[in-house]
Amino acid sequence: KGEIGKTCNGHFMECHKAFDQLWDAYPRHQPGKTECRKAWCKQFLADQNIEVILKYVCEAKKQWTDFKYIPYLTKFLNQRYWEGDLLSRAEPVDPYEHFTG
């Protein structure tokens, strides 16, 4: 479990099962699975409804017709995109965003 196990708020198995569902559904896998899993587990709550997030991703994929407009999964998670308006999130993605301080 290590560092990631400590951040799942005591719900290790639920956290990782939900992340795997999201990983499979999300169209852009940067900056990498380990970093994305950390972002997910850092804010995971057992009562968080993965179905709401997956539904948002499914709808967003219909609008994300240009790869450069799909946010990195870490950004999607850290900024909790599924809680906002789908159309207001359409913005170009800086390919170097993850590497800037």
Protein backbone atom coordinates (compact mmCIF):
# COMPACT_ATOMS: atom_id res chain seq x y z
CA LYS A 1 0.00 0.00 0.00
CA GLY A 2 2.76 2.44 0.94
CA GLU A 3 2.20 6.17 0.45
CA ILE A 4 -0.85 5.70 -1.78
CA GLY A 5 -2.55 3.43 0.76
CA LYS A 6 -2.29 6.11 3.43
CA THR A 7 -4.13 8.66 1.30
CA CYS A 8 -7.26 6.61 0.57
CA ASN A 9 -8.91 7.63 3.84
CA GLY A 10 -8.96 4.03 5.05
CA HIS A 11 -10.76 2.72 1.94
CA PHE A 12 -7.88 1.21 -0.03
CA MET A 13 -9.77 -1.36 -2.09
CA GLU A 14 -12.70 0.92 -2.96
CA CYS A 15 -10.31 3.70 -3.88
CA HIS A 16 -8.28 1.60 -6.29
CA LYS A 17 -11.25 -0.17 -7.84
CA ALA A 18 -12.89 3.19 -8.56
CA PHE A 19 -9.64 4.58 -9.98
CA ASP A 20 -9.26 1.63 -12.33
CA GLN A 21 -12.76 2.29 -13.68
CA LEU A 22 -11.90 5.94 -14.25
CA TRP A 23 -8.53 5.08 -15.85
CA ASP A 24 -10.25 2.77 -18.33
CA ALA A 25 -12.85 5.41 -19.24
CA TYR A 26 -10.61 8.49 -19.43
CA PRO A 27 -9.19 9.27 -22.89
CA ARG A 28 -5.92 10.96 -21.88
CA HIS A 29 -3.44 9.10 -19.68
CA GLN A 30 -0.89 11.73 -18.82
CA PRO A 31 1.24 12.27 -16.83
CA GLY A 32 1.12 8.52 -16.02
CA LYS A 33 -0.89 6.00 -14.06
CA THR A 34 1.04 6.34 -10.80
CA GLU A 35 0.71 10.14 -10.67
CA CYS A 36 -2.94 9.97 -11.66
CA ARG A 37 -3.65 7.33 -9.01
CA LYS A 38 -2.00 9.55 -6.38
CA ALA A 39 -4.19 12.49 -7.41
CA TRP A 40 -7.28 10.29 -7.18
CA CYS A 41 -6.40 8.71 -3.83
CA LYS A 42 -5.38 12.04 -2.30
CA GLN A 43 -8.95 13.25 -2.41
CA PHE A 44 -10.88 9.97 -2.43
CA LEU A 45 -13.90 9.75 -0.16
CA ALA A 46 -15.81 6.51 0.29
CA ASP A 47 -19.11 8.26 -0.35
CA GLN A 48 -17.84 9.84 -3.57
CA ASN A 49 -19.98 8.54 -6.39
CA ILE A 50 -17.73 7.16 -9.13
CA GLU A 51 -20.82 6.87 -11.35
CA VAL A 52 -21.22 10.67 -11.36
CA ILE A 53 -17.60 11.08 -12.42
CA LEU A 54 -17.83 8.39 -15.09
CA LYS A 55 -21.03 9.93 -16.45
CA TYR A 56 -19.27 13.31 -16.70
CA VAL A 57 -16.33 11.70 -18.53
CA CYS A 58 -18.71 9.95 -20.94
CA GLU A 59 -20.47 13.23 -21.77
CA ALA A 60 -17.21 15.16 -21.96
CA LYS A 61 -15.71 12.66 -24.42
CA LYS A 62 -18.46 13.62 -26.86
CA GLN A 63 -17.24 17.22 -26.75
CA TRP A 64 -13.52 16.53 -26.52
CA THR A 65 -13.04 16.19 -30.27
CA ASP A 66 -9.55 17.68 -30.26
CA PHE A 67 -6.96 15.92 -28.09
CA LYS A 68 -5.38 19.23 -27.01
CA TYR A 69 -8.64 20.19 -25.24
CA ILE A 70 -8.69 17.11 -23.03
CA PRO A 71 -7.19 17.98 -19.64
CA TYR A 72 -4.58 15.71 -18.14
CA LEU A 73 -6.25 13.29 -15.76
CA THR A 74 -4.40 14.80 -12.81
CA LYS A 75 -5.80 18.24 -13.64
CA PHE A 76 -9.27 16.76 -14.13
CA LEU A 77 -9.06 15.21 -10.66
CA ASN A 78 -7.37 18.06 -8.79
CA GLN A 79 -9.79 20.64 -10.18
CA ARG A 80 -12.79 18.32 -9.74
CA TYR A 81 -14.07 18.92 -13.27
CA TRP A 82 -17.15 16.76 -12.73
CA GLU A 83 -18.50 19.35 -10.27
CA GLY A 84 -18.55 22.14 -12.84
CA ASP A 85 -20.23 23.07 -16.07
CA LEU A 86 -19.09 20.86 -18.91
CA LEU A 87 -18.96 23.60 -21.54
CA SER A 88 -17.01 26.05 -19.38
CA ARG A 89 -14.11 23.60 -19.14
CA ALA A 90 -13.17 23.66 -22.84
CA GLU A 91 -9.70 25.16 -22.87
CA PRO A 92 -6.44 24.33 -24.63
CA VAL A 93 -4.05 22.19 -22.63
CA ASP A 94 -0.44 23.25 -22.25
CA PRO A 95 1.62 20.10 -22.94
CA TYR A 96 4.28 21.33 -20.49
CA GLU A 97 1.82 22.25 -17.74
CA HIS A 98 2.73 19.25 -15.60
CA PHE A 99 6.40 20.19 -15.62
CA THR A 100 6.11 23.83 -14.59
CA GLY A 101 6.50 24.88 -11.00
